Amino acid sequence: MEGKVLNTTKAESAVPDMLIVSSSPHIRSNESVERIMIDVVIALIPAMIGAVYFFGLNALKLILVSAASAVAFEALIQKMLKKEITIKDYSALITGILVAFNLPANAPWWIPVFGSGFAIIVVKQLFGGIGSNFMNPALAARAVLLASWPNIMSTYVLPGADAVTGATPLAIMKFGGVDGTASATVAQAGSNLPSILDMFVGNIGGAIGETSAVLLLLGAAYLIFRKVINWRTPVVYLGAAAIFLAIFGVPADEIIYHILGGGLILGAFFMATDYATGPITSMGRIVFGIGAGFLTALIRVKGGFPEGVSYSILLMNVVSPLIEKFSAPKIFGRAK
């Protein structure tokens, strides 16, 4: 018996490592949470530079205050809950940046502090920390801020040194008039719209991190190249939004304004792709994108607000577990 055991051991030692059966995971990656988050920060840098260029130093102040607040709140709540402090994974930093990206340039300093606190403490840490939140923290913060201080969150500064307030392109199309009020005809509203080039570059009014489509797409391309995000959700999201906008009667020449305006590109590439709050299956990502596109078009056209990205993604976050349940592939070989 001992001889047989000895022979078996010798035989096993001669087997290459690749043929030895072991427990999962079988595929390993050198990627870490820190490395992924650093990639996201790098991808956000072009839009941050654009925010400061178009909206001045107050935009930089909002970004710094929001990022610092998010990191501080994460360290504080983890210390209070006697958890390991994980601010070195940069996830709180990204949440703070994204909260700032959803603010108008003339927002007071305490707005990003409140928003980052709500995002980190209520939405993220009270549900278990990174990977356990059921909705995107930055978008949840924007929704709360908009409900609590609608005047502050809906008053946007136009690019330039004069800090003049004005309507966003979406508000002009929704309500008419250069100030976003219902004081002009549709034709007059069209004449007040900026050029497509200004929309693409970012020389328009809006939240500080959502106006420049080209800079956001530059960061998105980097994330796709680095395989940090999957292309399915954002691409399907944008395509579905365009299709449903057309179905709801938006003229073809205005659809491009809807795609480039508001938070659609920011939301599609940097928020709808959140690992914790979106499906991980290929079909699930497609369904998520279609649903978010439909809701965005529905809110923008039929709702009372000119924007609908935040609420669309948050609603899809809530139904993501259900989407994943029905889109999961079959497991072969499992007994009933």
C-alpha atoms as a PDB file:
ATOM      1  CA  MET A   1       0.000   0.000   0.000  1.00  0.00           C
ATOM      2  CA  GLU A   2       2.799   2.389   0.888  1.00  0.00           C
ATOM      3  CA  GLY A   3       4.530   1.591  -2.377  1.00  0.00           C
ATOM      4  CA  LYS A   4       1.447   2.475  -4.344  1.00  0.00           C
ATOM      5  CA  VAL A   5       1.153   5.788  -2.584  1.00  0.00           C
ATOM      6  CA  LEU A   6       4.779   6.562  -3.279  1.00  0.00           C
ATOM      7  CA  ASN A   7       4.378   5.732  -6.966  1.00  0.00           C
ATOM      8  CA  THR A   8       1.281   7.926  -7.196  1.00  0.00           C
ATOM      9  CA  THR A   9       3.156  10.821  -5.652  1.00  0.00           C
ATOM     10  CA  LYS A  10       5.971  10.445  -8.142  1.00  0.00           C
ATOM     11  CA  ALA A  11       3.488  10.323 -11.012  1.00  0.00           C
ATOM     12  CA  GLU A  12       1.772  13.500  -9.815  1.00  0.00           C
ATOM     13  CA  SER A  13       5.092  15.316  -9.544  1.00  0.00           C
ATOM     14  CA  ALA A  14       5.757  14.560 -13.192  1.00  0.00           C
ATOM     15  CA  VAL A  15       2.443  16.053 -14.351  1.00  0.00           C
ATOM     16  CA  PRO A  16       2.710  19.643 -15.665  1.00  0.00           C
ATOM     17  CA  ASP A  17       1.039  22.286 -13.481  1.00  0.00           C
ATOM     18  CA  MET A  18      -1.453  23.090 -16.213  1.00  0.00           C
ATOM     19  CA  LEU A  19      -2.997  19.608 -15.914  1.00  0.00           C
ATOM     20  CA  ILE A  20      -3.516  19.654 -12.156  1.00  0.00           C
ATOM     21  CA  VAL A  21      -7.148  20.178 -11.137  1.00  0.00           C
ATOM     22  CA  SER A  22      -7.628  22.856  -8.480  1.00  0.00           C
ATOM     23  CA  SER A  23     -10.429  25.005  -7.135  1.00  0.00           C
ATOM     24  CA  SER A  24     -11.501  28.197  -8.877  1.00  0.00           C
ATOM     25  CA  PRO A  25     -10.583  30.790  -9.965  1.00  0.00           C
ATOM     26  CA  HIS A  26      -8.689  29.254 -12.864  1.00  0.00           C
ATOM     27  CA  ILE A  27      -8.142  32.498 -14.770  1.00  0.00           C
ATOM     28  CA  ARG A  28      -6.200  35.140 -12.917  1.00  0.00           C
ATOM     29  CA  SER A  29      -5.470  38.745 -13.786  1.00  0.00           C
ATOM     30  CA  ASN A  30      -2.823  41.195 -12.696  1.00  0.00           C
ATOM     31  CA  GLU A  31      -5.475  43.912 -12.520  1.00  0.00           C
ATOM     32  CA  SER A  32      -6.398  45.275  -9.110  1.00  0.00           C
ATOM     33  CA  VAL A  33      -9.050  47.648  -7.806  1.00  0.00           C
ATOM     34  CA  GLU A  34      -6.393  50.331  -7.435  1.00  0.00           C
ATOM     35  CA  ARG A  35      -5.163  49.906 -11.016  1.00  0.00           C
ATOM     36  CA  ILE A  36      -8.697  50.057 -12.427  1.00  0.00           C
ATOM     37  CA  MET A  37      -9.549  53.151 -10.409  1.00  0.00           C
ATOM     38  CA  ILE A  38      -6.339  54.870 -11.499  1.00  0.00           C
ATOM     39  CA  ASP A  39      -7.360  54.210 -15.109  1.00  0.00           C
ATOM     40  CA  VAL A  40     -10.728  55.835 -14.454  1.00  0.00           C
ATOM     41  CA  VAL A  41      -9.047  58.876 -12.910  1.00  0.00           C
ATOM     42  CA  ILE A  42      -6.778  59.146 -15.969  1.00  0.00           C
ATOM     43  CA  ALA A  43      -9.834  58.925 -18.231  1.00  0.00           C
ATOM     44  CA  LEU A  44     -11.518  61.770 -16.330  1.00  0.00           C
ATOM     45  CA  ILE A  45      -8.526  64.125 -16.559  1.00  0.00           C
ATOM     46  CA  PRO A  46      -9.374  65.520 -20.047  1.00  0.00           C
ATOM     47  CA  ALA A  47     -12.892  66.442 -18.916  1.00  0.00           C
ATOM     48  CA  MET A  48     -11.478  68.000 -15.726  1.00  0.00           C
ATOM     49  CA  ILE A  49      -9.117  70.156 -17.769  1.00  0.00           C
ATOM     50  CA  GLY A  50     -12.017  71.127 -20.036  1.00  0.00           C
ATOM     51  CA  ALA A  51     -14.165  72.050 -17.032  1.00  0.00           C
ATOM     52  CA  VAL A  52     -11.513  74.435 -15.718  1.00  0.00           C
ATOM     53  CA  TYR A  53     -10.889  75.867 -19.199  1.00  0.00           C
ATOM     54  CA  PHE A  54     -14.552  76.600 -19.900  1.00  0.00           C
ATOM     55  CA  PHE A  55     -15.833  77.486 -16.423  1.00  0.00           C
ATOM     56  CA  GLY A  56     -12.783  78.874 -14.631  1.00  0.00           C
ATOM     57  CA  LEU A  57     -11.261  78.340 -11.218  1.00  0.00           C
ATOM     58  CA  ASN A  58     -14.599  77.850  -9.487  1.00  0.00           C
ATOM     59  CA  ALA A  59     -14.958  74.575 -11.384  1.00  0.00           C
ATOM     60  CA  LEU A  60     -11.536  73.520 -10.097  1.00  0.00           C
ATOM     61  CA  LYS A  61     -12.579  74.475  -6.564  1.00  0.00           C
ATOM     62  CA  LEU A  62     -15.731  72.359  -6.804  1.00  0.00           C
ATOM     63  CA  ILE A  63     -13.765  69.355  -8.060  1.00  0.00           C
ATOM     64  CA  LEU A  64     -11.127  69.636  -5.323  1.00  0.00           C
ATOM     65  CA  VAL A  65     -13.673  70.202  -2.536  1.00  0.00           C
ATOM     66  CA  SER A  66     -15.861  67.349  -3.729  1.00  0.00           C
ATOM     67  CA  ALA A  67     -12.965  64.892  -4.124  1.00  0.00           C
ATOM     68  CA  ALA A  68     -11.430  65.813  -0.764  1.00  0.00           C
ATOM     69  CA  SER A  69     -14.822  65.555   0.955  1.00  0.00           C
ATOM     70  CA  ALA A  70     -15.512  62.119  -0.496  1.00  0.00           C
ATOM     71  CA  VAL A  71     -12.138  60.763   0.648  1.00  0.00           C
ATOM     72  CA  ALA A  72     -12.529  62.327   4.108  1.00  0.00           C
ATOM     73  CA  PHE A  73     -16.074  61.014   4.558  1.00  0.00           C
ATOM     74  CA  GLU A  74     -14.994  57.513   3.530  1.00  0.00           C
ATOM     75  CA  ALA A  75     -12.134  57.471   6.033  1.00  0.00           C
ATOM     76  CA  LEU A  76     -14.352  58.906   8.766  1.00  0.00           C
ATOM     77  CA  ILE A  77     -17.286  56.514   8.336  1.00  0.00           C
ATOM     78  CA  GLN A  78     -14.992  53.485   8.060  1.00  0.00           C
ATOM     79  CA  LYS A  79     -13.207  54.524  11.241  1.00  0.00           C
ATOM     80  CA  MET A  80     -16.531  55.014  13.039  1.00  0.00           C
ATOM     81  CA  LEU A  81     -17.754  51.602  11.865  1.00  0.00           C
ATOM     82  CA  LYS A  82     -14.388  50.068  12.812  1.00  0.00           C
ATOM     83  CA  LYS A  83     -13.748  48.891   9.280  1.00  0.00           C
ATOM     84  CA  GLU A  84     -10.533  48.814   7.331  1.00  0.00           C
ATOM     85  CA  ILE A  85      -9.875  52.248   5.824  1.00  0.00           C
ATOM     86  CA  THR A  86      -9.730  51.766   2.054  1.00  0.00           C
ATOM     87  CA  ILE A  87      -9.251  55.280   0.712  1.00  0.00           C
ATOM     88  CA  LYS A  88      -6.099  54.110  -1.064  1.00  0.00           C
ATOM     89  CA  ASP A  89      -8.220  52.214  -3.610  1.00  0.00           C
ATOM     90  CA  TYR A  90      -9.207  55.614  -5.148  1.00  0.00           C
ATOM     91  CA  SER A  91     -12.895  54.686  -5.431  1.00  0.00           C
ATOM     92  CA  ALA A  92     -13.923  57.520  -3.104  1.00  0.00           C
ATOM     93  CA  LEU A  93     -11.797  59.938  -5.118  1.00  0.00           C
ATOM     94  CA  ILE A  94     -13.654  58.974  -8.302  1.00  0.00           C
ATOM     95  CA  THR A  95     -17.031  59.343  -6.589  1.00  0.00           C
ATOM     96  CA  GLY A  96     -16.079  62.838  -5.485  1.00  0.00           C
ATOM     97  CA  ILE A  97     -14.957  63.829  -8.985  1.00  0.00           C
ATOM     98  CA  LEU A  98     -18.177  62.508 -10.530  1.00  0.00           C
ATOM     99  CA  VAL A  99     -20.298  64.343  -7.958  1.00  0.00           C
ATOM    100  CA  ALA A 100     -18.535  67.576  -8.942  1.00  0.00           C
ATOM    101  CA  PHE A 101     -19.000  66.779 -12.636  1.00  0.00           C
ATOM    102  CA  ASN A 102     -22.762  66.880 -12.076  1.00  0.00           C
ATOM    103  CA  LEU A 103     -22.765  70.365 -10.549  1.00  0.00           C
ATOM    104  CA  PRO A 104     -23.184  73.782 -12.172  1.00  0.00           C
ATOM    105  CA  ALA A 105     -20.056  75.948 -12.065  1.00  0.00           C
ATOM    106  CA  ASN A 106     -21.694  78.541  -9.816  1.00  0.00           C
ATOM    107  CA  ALA A 107     -22.691  76.087  -7.087  1.00  0.00           C
ATOM    108  CA  PRO A 108     -21.575  77.060  -3.548  1.00  0.00           C
ATOM    109  CA  TRP A 109     -18.809  75.031  -1.885  1.00  0.00           C
ATOM    110  CA  TRP A 110     -21.128  73.246   0.546  1.00  0.00           C
ATOM    111  CA  ILE A 111     -23.128  71.613  -2.245  1.00  0.00           C
ATOM    112  CA  PRO A 112     -20.319  69.179  -3.239  1.00  0.00           C
ATOM    113  CA  VAL A 113     -19.606  68.556   0.460  1.00  0.00           C
ATOM    114  CA  PHE A 114     -23.212  67.496   1.064  1.00  0.00           C
ATOM    115  CA  GLY A 115     -23.354  65.540  -2.188  1.00  0.00           C
ATOM    116  CA  SER A 116     -20.126  63.642  -1.526  1.00  0.00           C
ATOM    117  CA  GLY A 117     -21.208  62.927   2.043  1.00  0.00           C
ATOM    118  CA  PHE A 118     -24.525  61.474   0.891  1.00  0.00           C
ATOM    119  CA  ALA A 119     -22.862  59.442  -1.872  1.00  0.00           C
ATOM    120  CA  ILE A 120     -20.180  57.957   0.357  1.00  0.00           C
ATOM    121  CA  ILE A 121     -21.986  57.490   3.666  1.00  0.00           C
ATOM    122  CA  VAL A 122     -25.569  56.681   2.687  1.00  0.00           C
ATOM    123  CA  VAL A 123     -25.307  55.064  -0.747  1.00  0.00           C
ATOM    124  CA  LYS A 124     -21.907  53.377  -0.506  1.00  0.00           C
ATOM    125  CA  GLN A 125     -20.727  52.605   3.033  1.00  0.00           C
ATOM    126  CA  LEU A 126     -24.066  51.911   4.737  1.00  0.00           C
ATOM    127  CA  PHE A 127     -24.693  49.229   2.114  1.00  0.00           C
ATOM    128  CA  GLY A 128     -21.351  47.530   2.657  1.00  0.00           C
ATOM    129  CA  GLY A 129     -18.770  49.635   0.851  1.00  0.00           C
ATOM    130  CA  ILE A 130     -17.247  49.281  -2.594  1.00  0.00           C
ATOM    131  CA  GLY A 131     -19.022  46.701  -4.730  1.00  0.00           C
ATOM    132  CA  SER A 132     -22.052  46.461  -2.442  1.00  0.00           C
ATOM    133  CA  ASN A 133     -23.944  49.662  -3.310  1.00  0.00           C
ATOM    134  CA  PHE A 134     -27.156  49.068  -5.231  1.00  0.00           C
ATOM    135  CA  MET A 135     -27.077  52.313  -7.202  1.00  0.00           C
ATOM    136  CA  ASN A 136     -24.458  54.702  -8.516  1.00  0.00           C
ATOM    137  CA  PRO A 137     -23.404  56.943  -5.601  1.00  0.00           C
ATOM    138  CA  ALA A 138     -22.662  60.056  -7.668  1.00  0.00           C
ATOM    139  CA  LEU A 139     -25.991  59.918  -9.514  1.00  0.00           C
ATOM    140  CA  ALA A 140     -27.864  59.292  -6.277  1.00  0.00           C
ATOM    141  CA  ALA A 141     -26.179  62.390  -4.856  1.00  0.00           C
ATOM    142  CA  ARG A 142     -27.206  64.429  -7.896  1.00  0.00           C
ATOM    143  CA  ALA A 143     -30.822  63.281  -7.549  1.00  0.00           C
ATOM    144  CA  VAL A 144     -30.886  64.270  -3.860  1.00  0.00           C
ATOM    145  CA  LEU A 145     -29.238  67.622  -4.540  1.00  0.00           C
ATOM    146  CA  LEU A 146     -31.683  68.359  -7.352  1.00  0.00           C
ATOM    147  CA  ALA A 147     -34.640  67.517  -5.132  1.00  0.00           C
ATOM    148  CA  SER A 148     -33.289  69.535  -2.205  1.00  0.00           C
ATOM    149  CA  TRP A 149     -31.926  72.636  -3.966  1.00  0.00           C
ATOM    150  CA  PRO A 150     -33.518  72.722  -7.437  1.00  0.00           C
ATOM    151  CA  ASN A 151     -32.731  76.394  -8.031  1.00  0.00           C
ATOM    152  CA  ILE A 152     -29.013  75.926  -7.400  1.00  0.00           C
ATOM    153  CA  MET A 153     -28.801  72.698  -9.392  1.00  0.00           C
ATOM    154  CA  SER A 154     -30.771  74.084 -12.347  1.00  0.00           C
ATOM    155  CA  THR A 155     -29.008  77.444 -12.759  1.00  0.00           C
ATOM    156  CA  TYR A 156     -26.094  77.015 -15.145  1.00  0.00           C
ATOM    157  CA  VAL A 157     -23.261  79.356 -16.025  1.00  0.00           C
ATOM    158  CA  LEU A 158     -22.276  79.808 -19.660  1.00  0.00           C
ATOM    159  CA  PRO A 159     -18.582  79.423 -20.542  1.00  0.00           C
ATOM    160  CA  GLY A 160     -16.552  82.614 -20.318  1.00  0.00           C
ATOM    161  CA  ALA A 161     -15.071  85.031 -17.821  1.00  0.00           C
ATOM    162  CA  ASP A 162     -18.337  86.919 -17.240  1.00  0.00           C
ATOM    163  CA  ALA A 163     -20.086  84.048 -15.422  1.00  0.00           C
ATOM    164  CA  VAL A 164     -23.401  84.792 -17.132  1.00  0.00           C
ATOM    165  CA  THR A 165     -26.190  82.318 -16.431  1.00  0.00           C
ATOM    166  CA  GLY A 166     -28.160  80.854 -19.307  1.00  0.00           C
ATOM    167  CA  ALA A 167     -30.148  77.874 -20.461  1.00  0.00           C
ATOM    168  CA  THR A 168     -28.614  74.609 -21.562  1.00  0.00           C
ATOM    169  CA  PRO A 169     -29.299  73.386 -25.123  1.00  0.00           C
ATOM    170  CA  LEU A 170     -31.719  70.792 -23.736  1.00  0.00           C
ATOM    171  CA  ALA A 171     -33.645  73.465 -21.828  1.00  0.00           C
ATOM    172  CA  ILE A 172     -33.826  75.630 -24.950  1.00  0.00           C
ATOM    173  CA  MET A 173     -35.286  72.743 -26.948  1.00  0.00           C
ATOM    174  CA  LYS A 174     -37.625  71.773 -24.121  1.00  0.00           C
ATOM    175  CA  PHE A 175     -39.008  75.164 -23.148  1.00  0.00           C
ATOM    176  CA  GLY A 176     -37.846  77.585 -25.851  1.00  0.00           C
ATOM    177  CA  GLY A 177     -36.140  80.940 -25.437  1.00  0.00           C
ATOM    178  CA  VAL A 178     -32.526  81.746 -24.778  1.00  0.00           C
ATOM    179  CA  ASP A 179     -33.153  81.656 -21.015  1.00  0.00           C
ATOM    180  CA  GLY A 180     -34.876  78.277 -21.109  1.00  0.00           C
ATOM    181  CA  THR A 181     -38.342  79.646 -20.370  1.00  0.00           C
ATOM    182  CA  ALA A 182     -41.479  79.106 -22.404  1.00  0.00           C
ATOM    183  CA  SER A 183     -41.236  82.541 -23.973  1.00  0.00           C
ATOM    184  CA  ALA A 184     -40.402  81.662 -27.554  1.00  0.00           C
ATOM    185  CA  THR A 185     -41.668  79.541 -30.381  1.00  0.00           C
ATOM    186  CA  VAL A 186     -39.956  76.332 -31.414  1.00  0.00           C
ATOM    187  CA  ALA A 187     -38.432  78.106 -34.406  1.00  0.00           C
ATOM    188  CA  GLN A 188     -37.041  80.865 -32.194  1.00  0.00           C
ATOM    189  CA  ALA A 189     -35.679  78.271 -29.804  1.00  0.00           C
ATOM    190  CA  GLY A 190     -33.872  76.591 -32.693  1.00  0.00           C
ATOM    191  CA  SER A 191     -32.191  79.863 -33.589  1.00  0.00           C
ATOM    192  CA  ASN A 192     -30.869  80.121 -30.009  1.00  0.00           C
ATOM    193  CA  LEU A 193     -29.202  76.724 -30.085  1.00  0.00           C
ATOM    194  CA  PRO A 194     -25.390  76.624 -30.212  1.00  0.00           C
ATOM    195  CA  SER A 195     -23.558  75.125 -33.152  1.00  0.00           C
ATOM    196  CA  ILE A 196     -22.822  71.408 -33.341  1.00  0.00           C
ATOM    197  CA  LEU A 197     -19.116  72.267 -33.078  1.00  0.00           C
ATOM    198  CA  ASP A 198     -19.706  74.112 -29.792  1.00  0.00           C
ATOM    199  CA  MET A 199     -21.731  71.145 -28.547  1.00  0.00           C
ATOM    200  CA  PHE A 200     -18.967  68.733 -29.469  1.00  0.00           C
ATOM    201  CA  VAL A 201     -16.151  70.819 -28.005  1.00  0.00           C
ATOM    202  CA  GLY A 202     -18.034  71.867 -24.871  1.00  0.00           C
ATOM    203  CA  ASN A 203     -18.534  75.596 -25.330  1.00  0.00           C
ATOM    204  CA  ILE A 204     -22.070  75.421 -23.899  1.00  0.00           C
ATOM    205  CA  GLY A 205     -23.858  75.762 -20.583  1.00  0.00           C
ATOM    206  CA  GLY A 206     -24.329  72.765 -18.356  1.00  0.00           C
ATOM    207  CA  ALA A 207     -22.808  70.842 -15.492  1.00  0.00           C
ATOM    208  CA  ILE A 208     -19.051  71.296 -15.407  1.00  0.00           C
ATOM    209  CA  GLY A 209     -18.131  67.740 -16.345  1.00  0.00           C
ATOM    210  CA  GLU A 210     -20.740  66.920 -18.960  1.00  0.00           C
ATOM    211  CA  THR A 211     -20.427  69.622 -21.616  1.00  0.00           C
ATOM    212  CA  SER A 212     -17.403  68.521 -23.681  1.00  0.00           C
ATOM    213  CA  ALA A 213     -18.342  65.465 -25.711  1.00  0.00           C
ATOM    214  CA  VAL A 214     -14.928  65.146 -27.339  1.00  0.00           C
ATOM    215  CA  LEU A 215     -13.040  65.113 -24.020  1.00  0.00           C
ATOM    216  CA  LEU A 216     -15.434  62.607 -22.486  1.00  0.00           C
ATOM    217  CA  LEU A 217     -15.170  60.368 -25.549  1.00  0.00           C
ATOM    218  CA  LEU A 218     -11.397  60.610 -25.353  1.00  0.00           C
ATOM    219  CA  GLY A 219     -11.509  59.295 -21.800  1.00  0.00           C
ATOM    220  CA  ALA A 220     -14.062  56.645 -22.757  1.00  0.00           C
ATOM    221  CA  ALA A 221     -11.833  55.410 -25.582  1.00  0.00           C
ATOM    222  CA  TYR A 222      -8.993  55.019 -23.082  1.00  0.00           C
ATOM    223  CA  LEU A 223     -11.191  52.941 -20.749  1.00  0.00           C
ATOM    224  CA  ILE A 224     -12.343  50.703 -23.590  1.00  0.00           C
ATOM    225  CA  PHE A 225      -8.755  50.297 -24.818  1.00  0.00           C
ATOM    226  CA  ARG A 226      -7.643  49.365 -21.305  1.00  0.00           C
ATOM    227  CA  LYS A 227     -10.639  46.982 -21.066  1.00  0.00           C
ATOM    228  CA  VAL A 228     -11.815  48.718 -17.913  1.00  0.00           C
ATOM    229  CA  ILE A 229     -15.339  49.080 -19.297  1.00  0.00           C
ATOM    230  CA  ASN A 230     -17.320  47.052 -21.802  1.00  0.00           C
ATOM    231  CA  TRP A 231     -18.563  48.863 -24.906  1.00  0.00           C
ATOM    232  CA  ARG A 232     -21.989  47.215 -24.971  1.00  0.00           C
ATOM    233  CA  THR A 233     -23.814  49.248 -22.333  1.00  0.00           C
ATOM    234  CA  PRO A 234     -22.732  52.767 -23.423  1.00  0.00           C
ATOM    235  CA  VAL A 235     -22.992  52.148 -27.165  1.00  0.00           C
ATOM    236  CA  VAL A 236     -26.412  50.495 -26.887  1.00  0.00           C
ATOM    237  CA  TYR A 237     -27.492  53.231 -24.474  1.00  0.00           C
ATOM    238  CA  LEU A 238     -26.639  56.011 -26.932  1.00  0.00           C
ATOM    239  CA  GLY A 239     -28.159  54.142 -29.873  1.00  0.00           C
ATOM    240  CA  ALA A 240     -31.361  53.305 -28.009  1.00  0.00           C
ATOM    241  CA  ALA A 241     -31.739  56.903 -26.831  1.00  0.00           C
ATOM    242  CA  ALA A 242     -31.441  58.161 -30.416  1.00  0.00           C
ATOM    243  CA  ILE A 243     -33.983  55.612 -31.700  1.00  0.00           C
ATOM    244  CA  PHE A 244     -36.542  56.309 -28.989  1.00  0.00           C
ATOM    245  CA  LEU A 245     -36.117  60.065 -29.357  1.00  0.00           C
ATOM    246  CA  ALA A 246     -37.035  59.647 -33.026  1.00  0.00           C
ATOM    247  CA  ILE A 247     -39.996  57.419 -32.110  1.00  0.00           C
ATOM    248  CA  PHE A 248     -41.229  60.085 -29.663  1.00  0.00           C
ATOM    249  CA  GLY A 249     -41.216  62.672 -32.437  1.00  0.00           C
ATOM    250  CA  VAL A 250     -37.926  64.531 -31.975  1.00  0.00           C
ATOM    251  CA  PRO A 251     -36.783  65.918 -35.366  1.00  0.00           C
ATOM    252  CA  ALA A 252     -33.704  64.284 -36.844  1.00  0.00           C
ATOM    253  CA  ASP A 253     -31.663  67.489 -36.723  1.00  0.00           C
ATOM    254  CA  GLU A 254     -32.313  67.819 -32.957  1.00  0.00           C
ATOM    255  CA  ILE A 255     -31.342  64.272 -31.999  1.00  0.00           C
ATOM    256  CA  ILE A 256     -27.642  65.100 -32.264  1.00  0.00           C
ATOM    257  CA  TYR A 257     -28.221  67.886 -29.716  1.00  0.00           C
ATOM    258  CA  HIS A 258     -29.766  65.343 -27.362  1.00  0.00           C
ATOM    259  CA  ILE A 259     -26.800  63.002 -27.784  1.00  0.00           C
ATOM    260  CA  LEU A 260     -24.142  65.678 -27.285  1.00  0.00           C
ATOM    261  CA  GLY A 261     -26.079  67.730 -24.716  1.00  0.00           C
ATOM    262  CA  GLY A 262     -26.752  67.082 -21.068  1.00  0.00           C
ATOM    263  CA  GLY A 263     -25.182  64.175 -19.218  1.00  0.00           C
ATOM    264  CA  LEU A 264     -25.821  61.433 -21.766  1.00  0.00           C
ATOM    265  CA  ILE A 265     -22.208  60.750 -22.766  1.00  0.00           C
ATOM    266  CA  LEU A 266     -20.929  61.192 -19.212  1.00  0.00           C
ATOM    267  CA  GLY A 267     -23.612  58.883 -17.863  1.00  0.00           C
ATOM    268  CA  ALA A 268     -23.295  56.274 -20.597  1.00  0.00           C
ATOM    269  CA  PHE A 269     -19.541  55.752 -20.340  1.00  0.00           C
ATOM    270  CA  PHE A 270     -18.695  56.635 -16.750  1.00  0.00           C
ATOM    271  CA  MET A 271     -21.802  55.767 -14.703  1.00  0.00           C
ATOM    272  CA  ALA A 272     -23.889  53.177 -16.510  1.00  0.00           C
ATOM    273  CA  THR A 273     -20.746  51.017 -16.714  1.00  0.00           C
ATOM    274  CA  ASP A 274     -20.293  50.886 -12.930  1.00  0.00           C
ATOM    275  CA  TYR A 275     -19.334  47.322 -11.986  1.00  0.00           C
ATOM    276  CA  ALA A 276     -21.421  47.160  -8.821  1.00  0.00           C
ATOM    277  CA  THR A 277     -24.682  48.558 -10.157  1.00  0.00           C
ATOM    278  CA  GLY A 278     -24.920  47.121 -13.676  1.00  0.00           C
ATOM    279  CA  PRO A 279     -25.297  43.621 -15.128  1.00  0.00           C
ATOM    280  CA  ILE A 280     -22.173  41.599 -15.896  1.00  0.00           C
ATOM    281  CA  THR A 281     -23.655  39.388 -18.617  1.00  0.00           C
ATOM    282  CA  SER A 282     -23.414  40.451 -22.264  1.00  0.00           C
ATOM    283  CA  MET A 283     -27.156  40.247 -22.825  1.00  0.00           C
ATOM    284  CA  GLY A 284     -27.804  41.978 -19.532  1.00  0.00           C
ATOM    285  CA  ARG A 285     -25.609  44.918 -20.551  1.00  0.00           C
ATOM    286  CA  ILE A 286     -27.549  45.252 -23.804  1.00  0.00           C
ATOM    287  CA  VAL A 287     -30.893  45.161 -21.986  1.00  0.00           C
ATOM    288  CA  PHE A 288     -29.585  47.722 -19.482  1.00  0.00           C
ATOM    289  CA  GLY A 289     -28.539  50.050 -22.313  1.00  0.00           C
ATOM    290  CA  ILE A 290     -31.887  49.730 -24.087  1.00  0.00           C
ATOM    291  CA  GLY A 291     -33.806  50.399 -20.890  1.00  0.00           C
ATOM    292  CA  ALA A 292     -31.696  53.418 -19.970  1.00  0.00           C
ATOM    293  CA  GLY A 293     -32.013  54.812 -23.492  1.00  0.00           C
ATOM    294  CA  PHE A 294     -35.784  54.395 -23.455  1.00  0.00           C
ATOM    295  CA  LEU A 295     -36.169  56.072 -20.051  1.00  0.00           C
ATOM    296  CA  THR A 296     -33.867  58.954 -20.985  1.00  0.00           C
ATOM    297  CA  ALA A 297     -35.830  59.666 -24.161  1.00  0.00           C
ATOM    298  CA  LEU A 298     -39.145  59.298 -22.338  1.00  0.00           C
ATOM    299  CA  ILE A 299     -38.210  61.736 -19.554  1.00  0.00           C
ATOM    300  CA  ARG A 300     -36.679  64.277 -21.914  1.00  0.00           C
ATOM    301  CA  VAL A 301     -39.603  64.315 -24.329  1.00  0.00           C
ATOM    302  CA  LYS A 302     -42.641  63.493 -22.204  1.00  0.00           C
ATOM    303  CA  GLY A 303     -41.467  64.496 -18.722  1.00  0.00           C
ATOM    304  CA  GLY A 304     -41.263  67.856 -17.047  1.00  0.00           C
ATOM    305  CA  PHE A 305     -37.469  68.028 -16.991  1.00  0.00           C
ATOM    306  CA  PRO A 306     -35.168  68.618 -19.988  1.00  0.00           C
ATOM    307  CA  GLU A 307     -32.710  66.021 -18.640  1.00  0.00           C
ATOM    308  CA  GLY A 308     -33.314  62.400 -17.720  1.00  0.00           C
ATOM    309  CA  VAL A 309     -29.982  60.574 -17.594  1.00  0.00           C
ATOM    310  CA  SER A 310     -29.609  60.467 -13.809  1.00  0.00           C
ATOM    311  CA  TYR A 311     -33.039  59.033 -13.102  1.00  0.00           C
ATOM    312  CA  SER A 312     -32.803  56.615 -16.020  1.00  0.00           C
ATOM    313  CA  ILE A 313     -29.562  55.039 -14.828  1.00  0.00           C
ATOM    314  CA  LEU A 314     -30.740  54.960 -11.206  1.00  0.00           C
ATOM    315  CA  LEU A 315     -33.958  53.176 -12.197  1.00  0.00           C
ATOM    316  CA  MET A 316     -31.986  50.654 -14.247  1.00  0.00           C
ATOM    317  CA  ASN A 317     -29.605  50.161 -11.307  1.00  0.00           C
ATOM    318  CA  VAL A 318     -32.587  49.043  -9.229  1.00  0.00           C
ATOM    319  CA  VAL A 319     -33.680  46.436 -11.780  1.00  0.00           C
ATOM    320  CA  SER A 320     -30.143  45.232 -12.594  1.00  0.00           C
ATOM    321  CA  PRO A 321     -30.376  42.132 -10.346  1.00  0.00           C
ATOM    322  CA  LEU A 322     -33.559  41.118 -12.160  1.00  0.00           C
ATOM    323  CA  ILE A 323     -31.938  41.693 -15.559  1.00  0.00           C
ATOM    324  CA  GLU A 324     -28.948  39.611 -14.510  1.00  0.00           C
ATOM    325  CA  LYS A 325     -31.158  36.815 -13.227  1.00  0.00           C
ATOM    326  CA  PHE A 326     -32.943  36.364 -16.553  1.00  0.00           C
ATOM    327  CA  SER A 327     -29.895  36.982 -18.749  1.00  0.00           C
ATOM    328  CA  ALA A 328     -27.523  34.606 -16.976  1.00  0.00           C
ATOM    329  CA  PRO A 329     -26.353  31.714 -19.183  1.00  0.00           C
ATOM    330  CA  LYS A 330     -27.436  28.170 -18.420  1.00  0.00           C
ATOM    331  CA  ILE A 331     -25.139  26.091 -16.240  1.00  0.00           C
ATOM    332  CA  PHE A 332     -24.596  22.705 -17.895  1.00  0.00           C
ATOM    333  CA  GLY A 333     -24.016  19.604 -15.810  1.00  0.00           C
ATOM    334  CA  ARG A 334     -25.840  20.834 -12.716  1.00  0.00           C
ATOM    335  CA  ALA A 335     -28.378  18.484 -11.163  1.00  0.00           C
ATOM    336  CA  LYS A 336     -31.843  19.742 -10.387  1.00  0.00           C
END
